[in-house]
Amino acid sequence: LLLNGKKIGGILTEMNAEPDRVHFVVIGIG
């Protein structure tokens, strides 16, 4: 996320999954 060209926020998505299905996802937001 940018304001006036500078970063004010970011997201980090990580998951635990098999090839055909997701067990769970964690979404980090700063």
mmCIF file of all heavy atoms, coordinates in Angstrom:
data_MODEL
# 
_entry.id   MODEL 
# 
loop_
_atom_site.group_PDB 
_atom_site.id 
_atom_site.type_symbol 
_atom_site.label_atom_id 
_atom_site.label_alt_id 
_atom_site.label_comp_id 
_atom_site.label_asym_id 
_atom_site.label_entity_id 
_atom_site.label_seq_id 
_atom_site.pdbx_PDB_ins_code 
_atom_site.Cartn_x 
_atom_site.Cartn_y 
_atom_site.Cartn_z 
_atom_site.occupancy 
_atom_site.B_iso_or_equiv 
_atom_site.pdbx_formal_charge 
_atom_site.auth_seq_id 
_atom_site.auth_comp_id 
_atom_site.auth_asym_id 
_atom_site.auth_atom_id 
_atom_site.pdbx_PDB_model_num 
ATOM 1   N N   . LEU A 1 1  ? 0.848  -1.177  0.000  1.00 0.00 ? 1  LEU A N   1 
ATOM 2   C CA  . LEU A 1 1  ? 0.000  0.000   0.000  1.00 0.00 ? 1  LEU A CA  1 
ATOM 3   C C   . LEU A 1 1  ? 0.888  1.234   0.000  1.00 0.00 ? 1  LEU A C   1 
ATOM 4   O O   . LEU A 1 1  ? 1.813  1.335   0.820  1.00 0.00 ? 1  LEU A O   1 
ATOM 5   C CB  . LEU A 1 1  ? -0.916 0.026   1.237  1.00 0.00 ? 1  LEU A CB  1 
ATOM 6   C CG  . LEU A 1 1  ? -2.262 -0.694  1.094  1.00 0.00 ? 1  LEU A CG  1 
ATOM 7   C CD1 . LEU A 1 1  ? -2.046 -2.201  1.078  1.00 0.00 ? 1  LEU A CD1 1 
ATOM 8   C CD2 . LEU A 1 1  ? -3.197 -0.315  2.222  1.00 0.00 ? 1  LEU A CD2 1 
ATOM 9   N N   . LEU A 1 2  ? 0.599  2.170   -0.915 1.00 0.00 ? 2  LEU A N   1 
ATOM 10  C CA  . LEU A 1 2  ? 1.447  3.339   -1.098 1.00 0.00 ? 2  LEU A CA  1 
ATOM 11  C C   . LEU A 1 2  ? 0.655  4.620   -0.864 1.00 0.00 ? 2  LEU A C   1 
ATOM 12  O O   . LEU A 1 2  ? -0.515 4.733   -1.259 1.00 0.00 ? 2  LEU A O   1 
ATOM 13  C CB  . LEU A 1 2  ? 2.011  3.374   -2.520 1.00 0.00 ? 2  LEU A CB  1 
ATOM 14  C CG  . LEU A 1 2  ? 2.753  2.137   -3.037 1.00 0.00 ? 2  LEU A CG  1 
ATOM 15  C CD1 . LEU A 1 2  ? 3.173  2.350   -4.482 1.00 0.00 ? 2  LEU A CD1 1 
ATOM 16  C CD2 . LEU A 1 2  ? 3.960  1.819   -2.168 1.00 0.00 ? 2  LEU A CD2 1 
ATOM 17  N N   . LEU A 1 3  ? 1.319  5.608   -0.234 1.00 0.00 ? 3  LEU A N   1 
ATOM 18  C CA  . LEU A 1 3  ? 0.803  6.968   -0.132 1.00 0.00 ? 3  LEU A CA  1 
ATOM 19  C C   . LEU A 1 3  ? 1.890  7.912   -0.621 1.00 0.00 ? 3  LEU A C   1 
ATOM 20  O O   . LEU A 1 3  ? 3.022  7.859   -0.131 1.00 0.00 ? 3  LEU A O   1 
ATOM 21  C CB  . LEU A 1 3  ? 0.443  7.309   1.316  1.00 0.00 ? 3  LEU A CB  1 
ATOM 22  C CG  . LEU A 1 3  ? -1.002 7.064   1.772  1.00 0.00 ? 3  LEU A CG  1 
ATOM 23  C CD1 . LEU A 1 3  ? -1.159 7.457   3.230  1.00 0.00 ? 3  LEU A CD1 1 
ATOM 24  C CD2 . LEU A 1 3  ? -1.998 7.823   0.908  1.00 0.00 ? 3  LEU A CD2 1 
ATOM 25  N N   . ASN A 1 4  ? 1.540  8.742   -1.586 1.00 0.00 ? 4  ASN A N   1 
ATOM 26  C CA  . ASN A 1 4  ? 2.520  9.663   -2.160 1.00 0.00 ? 4  ASN A CA  1 
ATOM 27  C C   . ASN A 1 4  ? 3.791  8.937   -2.591 1.00 0.00 ? 4  ASN A C   1 
ATOM 28  O O   . ASN A 1 4  ? 4.905  9.436   -2.421 1.00 0.00 ? 4  ASN A O   1 
ATOM 29  C CB  . ASN A 1 4  ? 2.854  10.780  -1.164 1.00 0.00 ? 4  ASN A CB  1 
ATOM 30  C CG  . ASN A 1 4  ? 1.632  11.618  -0.825 1.00 0.00 ? 4  ASN A CG  1 
ATOM 31  O OD1 . ASN A 1 4  ? 0.801  11.878  -1.690 1.00 0.00 ? 4  ASN A OD1 1 
ATOM 32  N ND2 . ASN A 1 4  ? 1.510  12.028  0.421  1.00 0.00 ? 4  ASN A ND2 1 
ATOM 33  N N   . GLY A 1 5  ? 3.603  7.738   -3.129 1.00 0.00 ? 5  GLY A N   1 
ATOM 34  C CA  . GLY A 1 5  ? 4.712  6.961   -3.648 1.00 0.00 ? 5  GLY A CA  1 
ATOM 35  C C   . GLY A 1 5  ? 5.519  6.201   -2.619 1.00 0.00 ? 5  GLY A C   1 
ATOM 36  O O   . GLY A 1 5  ? 6.451  5.472   -2.972 1.00 0.00 ? 5  GLY A O   1 
ATOM 37  N N   . LYS A 1 6  ? 5.179  6.356   -1.340 1.00 0.00 ? 6  LYS A N   1 
ATOM 38  C CA  . LYS A 1 6  ? 5.905  5.654   -0.281 1.00 0.00 ? 6  LYS A CA  1 
ATOM 39  C C   . LYS A 1 6  ? 5.024  4.579   0.353  1.00 0.00 ? 6  LYS A C   1 
ATOM 40  O O   . LYS A 1 6  ? 3.800  4.703   0.412  1.00 0.00 ? 6  LYS A O   1 
ATOM 41  C CB  . LYS A 1 6  ? 6.374  6.635   0.796  1.00 0.00 ? 6  LYS A CB  1 
ATOM 42  C CG  . LYS A 1 6  ? 7.432  7.620   0.329  1.00 0.00 ? 6  LYS A CG  1 
ATOM 43  C CD  . LYS A 1 6  ? 7.919  8.470   1.495  1.00 0.00 ? 6  LYS A CD  1 
ATOM 44  C CE  . LYS A 1 6  ? 9.021  9.424   1.083  1.00 0.00 ? 6  LYS A CE  1 
ATOM 45  N NZ  . LYS A 1 6  ? 9.535  10.209  2.247  1.00 0.00 ? 6  LYS A NZ  1 
ATOM 46  N N   . LYS A 1 7  ? 5.677  3.564   0.881  1.00 0.00 ? 7  LYS A N   1 
ATOM 47  C CA  . LYS A 1 7  ? 4.956  2.411   1.422  1.00 0.00 ? 7  LYS A CA  1 
ATOM 48  C C   . LYS A 1 7  ? 4.437  2.695   2.824  1.00 0.00 ? 7  LYS A C   1 
ATOM 49  O O   . LYS A 1 7  ? 5.184  3.121   3.705  1.00 0.00 ? 7  LYS A O   1 
ATOM 50  C CB  . LYS A 1 7  ? 5.892  1.194   1.449  1.00 0.00 ? 7  LYS A CB  1 
ATOM 51  C CG  . LYS A 1 7  ? 5.247  -0.111  1.825  1.00 0.00 ? 7  LYS A CG  1 
ATOM 52  C CD  . LYS A 1 7  ? 6.203  -1.264  1.552  1.00 0.00 ? 7  LYS A CD  1 
ATOM 53  C CE  . LYS A 1 7  ? 5.653  -2.595  2.016  1.00 0.00 ? 7  LYS A CE  1 
ATOM 54  N NZ  . LYS A 1 7  ? 6.546  -3.720  1.668  1.00 0.00 ? 7  LYS A NZ  1 
ATOM 55  N N   . ILE A 1 8  ? 3.128  2.482   3.021  1.00 0.00 ? 8  ILE A N   1 
ATOM 56  C CA  . ILE A 1 8  ? 2.568  2.577   4.380  1.00 0.00 ? 8  ILE A CA  1 
ATOM 57  C C   . ILE A 1 8  ? 2.078  1.230   4.888  1.00 0.00 ? 8  ILE A C   1 
ATOM 58  O O   . ILE A 1 8  ? 1.768  1.092   6.073  1.00 0.00 ? 8  ILE A O   1 
ATOM 59  C CB  . ILE A 1 8  ? 1.411  3.592   4.490  1.00 0.00 ? 8  ILE A CB  1 
ATOM 60  C CG1 . ILE A 1 8  ? 0.202  3.112   3.693  1.00 0.00 ? 8  ILE A CG1 1 
ATOM 61  C CG2 . ILE A 1 8  ? 1.820  4.981   4.112  1.00 0.00 ? 8  ILE A CG2 1 
ATOM 62  C CD1 . ILE A 1 8  ? -1.103 3.442   4.344  1.00 0.00 ? 8  ILE A CD1 1 
ATOM 63  N N   . GLY A 1 9  ? 2.005  0.245   4.002  1.00 0.00 ? 9  GLY A N   1 
ATOM 64  C CA  . GLY A 1 9  ? 1.504  -1.048  4.448  1.00 0.00 ? 9  GLY A CA  1 
ATOM 65  C C   . GLY A 1 9  ? 1.978  -2.163  3.542  1.00 0.00 ? 9  GLY A C   1 
ATOM 66  O O   . GLY A 1 9  ? 2.329  -1.941  2.377  1.00 0.00 ? 9  GLY A O   1 
ATOM 67  N N   . GLY A 1 10 ? 2.000  -3.369  4.110  1.00 0.00 ? 10 GLY A N   1 
ATOM 68  C CA  . GLY A 1 10 ? 2.401  -4.533  3.348  1.00 0.00 ? 10 GLY A CA  1 
ATOM 69  C C   . GLY A 1 10 ? 1.672  -5.770  3.823  1.00 0.00 ? 10 GLY A C   1 
ATOM 70  O O   . GLY A 1 10 ? 1.119  -5.798  4.933  1.00 0.00 ? 10 GLY A O   1 
ATOM 71  N N   . ILE A 1 11 ? 1.639  -6.776  2.965  1.00 0.00 ? 11 ILE A N   1 
ATOM 72  C CA  . ILE A 1 11 ? 0.907  -8.007  3.245  1.00 0.00 ? 11 ILE A CA  1 
ATOM 73  C C   . ILE A 1 11 ? 1.817  -9.195  2.954  1.00 0.00 ? 11 ILE A C   1 
ATOM 74  O O   . ILE A 1 11 ? 2.518  -9.211  1.941  1.00 0.00 ? 11 ILE A O   1 
ATOM 75  C CB  . ILE A 1 11 ? -0.360 -8.095  2.373  1.00 0.00 ? 11 ILE A CB  1 
ATOM 76  C CG1 . ILE A 1 11 ? -1.328 -6.960  2.733  1.00 0.00 ? 11 ILE A CG1 1 
ATOM 77  C CG2 . ILE A 1 11 ? -1.063 -9.443  2.546  1.00 0.00 ? 11 ILE A CG2 1 
ATOM 78  C CD1 . ILE A 1 11 ? -2.200 -6.542  1.602  1.00 0.00 ? 11 ILE A CD1 1 
ATOM 79  N N   . LEU A 1 12 ? 1.807  -10.168 3.861  1.00 0.00 ? 12 LEU A N   1 
ATOM 80  C CA  . LEU A 1 12 ? 2.560  -11.406 3.665  1.00 0.00 ? 12 LEU A CA  1 
ATOM 81  C C   . LEU A 1 12 ? 1.609  -12.579 3.847  1.00 0.00 ? 12 LEU A C   1 
ATOM 82  O O   . LEU A 1 12 ? 1.119  -12.825 4.946  1.00 0.00 ? 12 LEU A O   1 
ATOM 83  C CB  . LEU A 1 12 ? 3.717  -11.506 4.660  1.00 0.00 ? 12 LEU A CB  1 
ATOM 84  C CG  . LEU A 1 12 ? 4.535  -12.804 4.595  1.00 0.00 ? 12 LEU A CG  1 
ATOM 85  C CD1 . LEU A 1 12 ? 5.209  -12.958 3.236  1.00 0.00 ? 12 LEU A CD1 1 
ATOM 86  C CD2 . LEU A 1 12 ? 5.575  -12.850 5.717  1.00 0.00 ? 12 LEU A CD2 1 
ATOM 87  N N   . THR A 1 13 ? 1.337  -13.284 2.751  1.00 0.00 ? 13 THR A N   1 
ATOM 88  C CA  . THR A 1 13 ? 0.437  -14.436 2.767  1.00 0.00 ? 13 THR A CA  1 
ATOM 89  C C   . THR A 1 13 ? 1.255  -15.716 2.695  1.00 0.00 ? 13 THR A C   1 
ATOM 90  O O   . THR A 1 13 ? 2.105  -15.875 1.817  1.00 0.00 ? 13 THR A O   1 
ATOM 91  C CB  . THR A 1 13 ? -0.544 -14.380 1.581  1.00 0.00 ? 13 THR A CB  1 
ATOM 92  O OG1 . THR A 1 13 ? -1.276 -13.161 1.631  1.00 0.00 ? 13 THR A OG1 1 
ATOM 93  C CG2 . THR A 1 13 ? -1.513 -15.550 1.618  1.00 0.00 ? 13 THR A CG2 1 
ATOM 94  N N   . GLU A 1 14 ? 0.995  -16.619 3.629  1.00 0.00 ? 14 GLU A N   1 
ATOM 95  C CA  . GLU A 1 14 ? 1.665  -17.919 3.647  1.00 0.00 ? 14 GLU A CA  1 
ATOM 96  C C   . GLU A 1 14 ? 0.607  -18.993 3.839  1.00 0.00 ? 14 GLU A C   1 
ATOM 97  O O   . GLU A 1 14 ? -0.415 -18.757 4.498  1.00 0.00 ? 14 GLU A O   1 
ATOM 98  C CB  . GLU A 1 14 ? 2.700  -17.977 4.774  1.00 0.00 ? 14 GLU A CB  1 
ATOM 99  C CG  . GLU A 1 14 ? 3.806  -16.923 4.625  1.00 0.00 ? 14 GLU A CG  1 
ATOM 100 C CD  . GLU A 1 14 ? 4.775  -16.922 5.782  1.00 0.00 ? 14 GLU A CD  1 
ATOM 101 O OE1 . GLU A 1 14 ? 4.407  -16.441 6.877  1.00 0.00 ? 14 GLU A OE1 1 
ATOM 102 O OE2 . GLU A 1 14 ? 5.906  -17.380 5.595  1.00 0.00 ? 14 GLU A OE2 1 
ATOM 103 N N   . MET A 1 15 ? 0.851  -20.170 3.280  1.00 0.00 ? 15 MET A N   1 
ATOM 104 C CA  . MET A 1 15 ? -0.179 -21.209 3.378  1.00 0.00 ? 15 MET A CA  1 
ATOM 105 C C   . MET A 1 15 ? 0.403  -22.583 3.635  1.00 0.00 ? 15 MET A C   1 
ATOM 106 O O   . MET A 1 15 ? 1.569  -22.852 3.358  1.00 0.00 ? 15 MET A O   1 
ATOM 107 C CB  . MET A 1 15 ? -1.053 -21.225 2.120  1.00 0.00 ? 15 MET A CB  1 
ATOM 108 C CG  . MET A 1 15 ? -0.350 -21.642 0.853  1.00 0.00 ? 15 MET A CG  1 
ATOM 109 S SD  . MET A 1 15 ? -1.519 -21.687 -0.540 1.00 0.00 ? 15 MET A SD  1 
ATOM 110 C CE  . MET A 1 15 ? -0.375 -21.909 -1.904 1.00 0.00 ? 15 MET A CE  1 
ATOM 111 N N   . ASN A 1 16 ? -0.457 -23.431 4.164  1.00 0.00 ? 16 ASN A N   1 
ATOM 112 C CA  . ASN A 1 16 ? -0.173 -24.840 4.338  1.00 0.00 ? 16 ASN A CA  1 
ATOM 113 C C   . ASN A 1 16 ? -1.138 -25.569 3.417  1.00 0.00 ? 16 ASN A C   1 
ATOM 114 O O   . ASN A 1 16 ? -2.358 -25.466 3.582  1.00 0.00 ? 16 ASN A O   1 
ATOM 115 C CB  . ASN A 1 16 ? -0.387 -25.239 5.808  1.00 0.00 ? 16 ASN A CB  1 
ATOM 116 C CG  . ASN A 1 16 ? -0.094 -26.705 6.063  1.00 0.00 ? 16 ASN A CG  1 
ATOM 117 O OD1 . ASN A 1 16 ? -0.782 -27.578 5.553  1.00 0.00 ? 16 ASN A OD1 1 
ATOM 118 N ND2 . ASN A 1 16 ? 0.915  -26.973 6.875  1.00 0.00 ? 16 ASN A ND2 1 
ATOM 119 N N   . ALA A 1 17 ? -0.605 -26.282 2.419  1.00 0.00 ? 17 ALA A N   1 
ATOM 120 C CA  . ALA A 1 17 ? -1.482 -26.828 1.389  1.00 0.00 ? 17 ALA A CA  1 
ATOM 121 C C   . ALA A 1 17 ? -0.927 -28.099 0.803  1.00 0.00 ? 17 ALA A C   1 
ATOM 122 O O   . ALA A 1 17 ? 0.266  -28.419 0.933  1.00 0.00 ? 17 ALA A O   1 
ATOM 123 C CB  . ALA A 1 17 ? -1.677 -25.798 0.274  1.00 0.00 ? 17 ALA A CB  1 
ATOM 124 N N   . GLU A 1 18 ? -1.803 -28.845 0.143  1.00 0.00 ? 18 GLU A N   1 
ATOM 125 C CA  . GLU A 1 18 ? -1.444 -29.944 -0.739 1.00 0.00 ? 18 GLU A CA  1 
ATOM 126 C C   . GLU A 1 18 ? -1.625 -29.433 -2.169 1.00 0.00 ? 18 GLU A C   1 
ATOM 127 O O   . GLU A 1 18 ? -2.166 -28.346 -2.371 1.00 0.00 ? 18 GLU A O   1 
ATOM 128 C CB  . GLU A 1 18 ? -2.345 -31.151 -0.463 1.00 0.00 ? 18 GLU A CB  1 
ATOM 129 C CG  . GLU A 1 18 ? -2.188 -31.725 0.949  1.00 0.00 ? 18 GLU A CG  1 
ATOM 130 C CD  . GLU A 1 18 ? -3.154 -32.873 1.205  1.00 0.00 ? 18 GLU A CD  1 
ATOM 131 O OE1 . GLU A 1 18 ? -3.543 -33.542 0.226  1.00 0.00 ? 18 GLU A OE1 1 
ATOM 132 O OE2 . GLU A 1 18 ? -3.512 -33.081 2.375  1.00 0.00 ? 18 GLU A OE2 1 
ATOM 133 N N   . PRO A 1 19 ? -1.186 -30.194 -3.169 1.00 0.00 ? 19 PRO A N   1 
ATOM 134 C CA  . PRO A 1 19 ? -1.310 -29.694 -4.543 1.00 0.00 ? 19 PRO A CA  1 
ATOM 135 C C   . PRO A 1 19 ? -2.727 -29.310 -4.943 1.00 0.00 ? 19 PRO A C   1 
ATOM 136 O O   . PRO A 1 19 ? -2.922 -28.421 -5.771 1.00 0.00 ? 19 PRO A O   1 
ATOM 137 C CB  . PRO A 1 19 ? -0.799 -30.869 -5.388 1.00 0.00 ? 19 PRO A CB  1 
ATOM 138 C CG  . PRO A 1 19 ? 0.174  -31.566 -4.490 1.00 0.00 ? 19 PRO A CG  1 
ATOM 139 C CD  . PRO A 1 19 ? -0.417 -31.455 -3.106 1.00 0.00 ? 19 PRO A CD  1 
ATOM 140 N N   . ASP A 1 20 ? -3.733 -29.977 -4.361 1.00 0.00 ? 20 ASP A N   1 
ATOM 141 C CA  . ASP A 1 20 ? -5.100 -29.725 -4.803 1.00 0.00 ? 20 ASP A CA  1 
ATOM 142 C C   . ASP A 1 20 ? -5.972 -29.006 -3.781 1.00 0.00 ? 20 ASP A C   1 
ATOM 143 O O   . ASP A 1 20 ? -7.132 -28.699 -4.070 1.00 0.00 ? 20 ASP A O   1 
ATOM 144 C CB  . ASP A 1 20 ? -5.774 -31.048 -5.186 1.00 0.00 ? 20 ASP A CB  1 
ATOM 145 C CG  . ASP A 1 20 ? -5.854 -32.024 -4.017 1.00 0.00 ? 20 ASP A CG  1 
ATOM 146 O OD1 . ASP A 1 20 ? -5.081 -31.849 -3.042 1.00 0.00 ? 20 ASP A OD1 1 
ATOM 147 O OD2 . ASP A 1 20 ? -6.683 -32.942 -4.069 1.00 0.00 ? 20 ASP A OD2 1 
ATOM 148 N N   . ARG A 1 21 ? -5.462 -28.734 -2.590 1.00 0.00 ? 21 ARG A N   1 
ATOM 149 C CA  . ARG A 1 21 ? -6.315 -28.047 -1.618 1.00 0.00 ? 21 ARG A CA  1 
ATOM 150 C C   . ARG A 1 21 ? -5.481 -27.334 -0.563 1.00 0.00 ? 21 ARG A C   1 
ATOM 151 O O   . ARG A 1 21 ? -4.353 -27.724 -0.258 1.00 0.00 ? 21 ARG A O   1 
ATOM 152 C CB  . ARG A 1 21 ? -7.275 -29.021 -0.935 1.00 0.00 ? 21 ARG A CB  1 
ATOM 153 C CG  . ARG A 1 21 ? -6.632 -30.031 -0.001 1.00 0.00 ? 21 ARG A CG  1 
ATOM 154 C CD  . ARG A 1 21 ? -7.671 -31.048 0.467  1.00 0.00 ? 21 ARG A CD  1 
ATOM 155 N NE  . ARG A 1 21 ? -7.101 -31.999 1.407  1.00 0.00 ? 21 ARG A NE  1 
ATOM 156 C CZ  . ARG A 1 21 ? -7.321 -31.961 2.730  1.00 0.00 ? 21 ARG A CZ  1 
ATOM 157 N NH1 . ARG A 1 21 ? -8.084 -31.020 3.250  1.00 0.00 ? 21 ARG A NH1 1 
ATOM 158 N NH2 . ARG A 1 21 ? -6.782 -32.866 3.531  1.00 0.00 ? 21 ARG A NH2 1 
ATOM 159 N N   . VAL A 1 22 ? -6.074 -26.278 -0.040 1.00 0.00 ? 22 VAL A N   1 
ATOM 160 C CA  . VAL A 1 22 ? -5.446 -25.479 1.005  1.00 0.00 ? 22 VAL A CA  1 
ATOM 161 C C   . VAL A 1 22 ? -5.924 -25.970 2.365  1.00 0.00 ? 22 VAL A C   1 
ATOM 162 O O   . VAL A 1 22 ? -7.130 -26.120 2.588  1.00 0.00 ? 22 VAL A O   1 
ATOM 163 C CB  . VAL A 1 22 ? -5.812 -23.986 0.827  1.00 0.00 ? 22 VAL A CB  1 
ATOM 164 C CG1 . VAL A 1 22 ? -5.367 -23.174 2.035  1.00 0.00 ? 22 VAL A CG1 1 
ATOM 165 C CG2 . VAL A 1 22 ? -5.185 -23.435 -0.440 1.00 0.00 ? 22 VAL A CG2 1 
ATOM 166 N N   . HIS A 1 23 ? -4.993 -26.227 3.267  1.00 0.00 ? 23 HIS A N   1 
ATOM 167 C CA  . HIS A 1 23 ? -5.373 -26.564 4.640  1.00 0.00 ? 23 HIS A CA  1 
ATOM 168 C C   . HIS A 1 23 ? -5.688 -25.293 5.428  1.00 0.00 ? 23 HIS A C   1 
ATOM 169 O O   . HIS A 1 23 ? -6.713 -25.203 6.089  1.00 0.00 ? 23 HIS A O   1 
ATOM 170 C CB  . HIS A 1 23 ? -4.242 -27.337 5.333  1.00 0.00 ? 23 HIS A CB  1 
ATOM 171 C CG  . HIS A 1 23 ? -3.979 -28.675 4.734  1.00 0.00 ? 23 HIS A CG  1 
ATOM 172 N ND1 . HIS A 1 23 ? -4.915 -29.683 4.730  1.00 0.00 ? 23 HIS A ND1 1 
ATOM 173 C CD2 . HIS A 1 23 ? -2.880 -29.176 4.092  1.00 0.00 ? 23 HIS A CD2 1 
ATOM 174 C CE1 . HIS A 1 23 ? -4.416 -30.754 4.132  1.00 0.00 ? 23 HIS A CE1 1 
ATOM 175 N NE2 . HIS A 1 23 ? -3.180 -30.460 3.727  1.00 0.00 ? 23 HIS A NE2 1 
ATOM 176 N N   . PHE A 1 24 ? -4.785 -24.336 5.357  1.00 0.00 ? 24 PHE A N   1 
ATOM 177 C CA  . PHE A 1 24 ? -5.051 -23.026 5.971  1.00 0.00 ? 24 PHE A CA  1 
ATOM 178 C C   . PHE A 1 24 ? -4.112 -21.997 5.367  1.00 0.00 ? 24 PHE A C   1 
ATOM 179 O O   . PHE A 1 24 ? -3.078 -22.334 4.774  1.00 0.00 ? 24 PHE A O   1 
ATOM 180 C CB  . PHE A 1 24 ? -4.904 -23.072 7.502  1.00 0.00 ? 24 PHE A CB  1 
ATOM 181 C CG  . PHE A 1 24 ? -3.515 -23.354 8.002  1.00 0.00 ? 24 PHE A CG  1 
ATOM 182 C CD1 . PHE A 1 24 ? -2.584 -22.328 8.180  1.00 0.00 ? 24 PHE A CD1 1 
ATOM 183 C CD2 . PHE A 1 24 ? -3.118 -24.656 8.334  1.00 0.00 ? 24 PHE A CD2 1 
ATOM 184 C CE1 . PHE A 1 24 ? -1.303 -22.585 8.647  1.00 0.00 ? 24 PHE A CE1 1 
ATOM 185 C CE2 . PHE A 1 24 ? -1.841 -24.920 8.803  1.00 0.00 ? 24 PHE A CE2 1 
ATOM 186 C CZ  . PHE A 1 24 ? -0.927 -23.882 8.957  1.00 0.00 ? 24 PHE A CZ  1 
ATOM 187 N N   . VAL A 1 25 ? -4.502 -20.756 5.501  1.00 0.00 ? 25 VAL A N   1 
ATOM 188 C CA  . VAL A 1 25 ? -3.717 -19.622 5.019  1.00 0.00 ? 25 VAL A CA  1 
ATOM 189 C C   . VAL A 1 25 ? -3.576 -18.634 6.163  1.00 0.00 ? 25 VAL A C   1 
ATOM 190 O O   . VAL A 1 25 ? -4.524 -18.424 6.938  1.00 0.00 ? 25 VAL A O   1 
ATOM 191 C CB  . VAL A 1 25 ? -4.415 -18.927 3.830  1.00 0.00 ? 25 VAL A CB  1 
ATOM 192 C CG1 . VAL A 1 25 ? -3.675 -17.653 3.427  1.00 0.00 ? 25 VAL A CG1 1 
ATOM 193 C CG2 . VAL A 1 25 ? -4.530 -19.870 2.646  1.00 0.00 ? 25 VAL A CG2 1 
ATOM 194 N N   . VAL A 1 26 ? -2.400 -18.041 6.301  1.00 0.00 ? 26 VAL A N   1 
ATOM 195 C CA  . VAL A 1 26 ? -2.238 -16.937 7.251  1.00 0.00 ? 26 VAL A CA  1 
ATOM 196 C C   . VAL A 1 26 ? -1.889 -15.682 6.455  1.00 0.00 ? 26 VAL A C   1 
ATOM 197 O O   . VAL A 1 26 ? -1.040 -15.726 5.565  1.00 0.00 ? 26 VAL A O   1 
ATOM 198 C CB  . VAL A 1 26 ? -1.178 -17.219 8.338  1.00 0.00 ? 26 VAL A CB  1 
ATOM 199 C CG1 . VAL A 1 26 ? -1.554 -18.463 9.130  1.00 0.00 ? 26 VAL A CG1 1 
ATOM 200 C CG2 . VAL A 1 26 ? 0.214  -17.354 7.760  1.00 0.00 ? 26 VAL A CG2 1 
ATOM 201 N N   . ILE A 1 27 ? -2.592 -14.603 6.747  1.00 0.00 ? 27 ILE A N   1 
ATOM 202 C CA  . ILE A 1 27 ? -2.369 -13.333 6.049  1.00 0.00 ? 27 ILE A CA  1 
ATOM 203 C C   . ILE A 1 27 ? -1.887 -12.313 7.065  1.00 0.00 ? 27 ILE A C   1 
ATOM 204 O O   . ILE A 1 27 ? -2.639 -11.903 7.953  1.00 0.00 ? 27 ILE A O   1 
ATOM 205 C CB  . ILE A 1 27 ? -3.649 -12.827 5.362  1.00 0.00 ? 27 ILE A CB  1 
ATOM 206 C CG1 . ILE A 1 27 ? -4.198 -13.871 4.388  1.00 0.00 ? 27 ILE A CG1 1 
ATOM 207 C CG2 . ILE A 1 27 ? -3.364 -11.514 4.625  1.00 0.00 ? 27 ILE A CG2 1 
ATOM 208 C CD1 . ILE A 1 27 ? -5.504 -13.467 3.735  1.00 0.00 ? 27 ILE A CD1 1 
ATOM 209 N N   . GLY A 1 28 ? -0.625 -11.943 6.938  1.00 0.00 ? 28 GLY A N   1 
ATOM 210 C CA  . GLY A 1 28 ? -0.060 -10.917 7.805  1.00 0.00 ? 28 GLY A CA  1 
ATOM 211 C C   . GLY A 1 28 ? -0.221 -9.549  7.171  1.00 0.00 ? 28 GLY A C   1 
ATOM 212 O O   . GLY A 1 28 ? 0.060  -9.372  5.984  1.00 0.00 ? 28 GLY A O   1 
ATOM 213 N N   . ILE A 1 29 ? -0.678 -8.589  7.965  1.00 0.00 ? 29 ILE A N   1 
ATOM 214 C CA  . ILE A 1 29 ? -0.869 -7.223  7.479  1.00 0.00 ? 29 ILE A CA  1 
ATOM 215 C C   . ILE A 1 29 ? -0.148 -6.274  8.423  1.00 0.00 ? 29 ILE A C   1 
ATOM 216 O O   . ILE A 1 29 ? -0.371 -6.308  9.641  1.00 0.00 ? 29 ILE A O   1 
ATOM 217 C CB  . ILE A 1 29 ? -2.360 -6.848  7.397  1.00 0.00 ? 29 ILE A CB  1 
ATOM 218 C CG1 . ILE A 1 29 ? -3.101 -7.818  6.473  1.00 0.00 ? 29 ILE A CG1 1 
ATOM 219 C CG2 . ILE A 1 29 ? -2.528 -5.403  6.907  1.00 0.00 ? 29 ILE A CG2 1 
ATOM 220 C CD1 . ILE A 1 29 ? -4.609 -7.601  6.421  1.00 0.00 ? 29 ILE A CD1 1 
ATOM 221 N N   . GLY A 1 30 ? 0.714  -5.455  7.874  1.00 0.00 ? 30 GLY A N   1 
ATOM 222 C CA  . GLY A 1 30 ? 1.379  -4.414  8.651  1.00 0.00 ? 30 GLY A CA  1 
ATOM 223 C C   . GLY A 1 30 ? 0.996  -3.054  8.103  1.00 0.00 ? 30 GLY A C   1 
ATOM 224 O O   . GLY A 1 30 ? 1.069  -2.827  6.890  1.00 0.00 ? 30 GLY A O   1 
# 
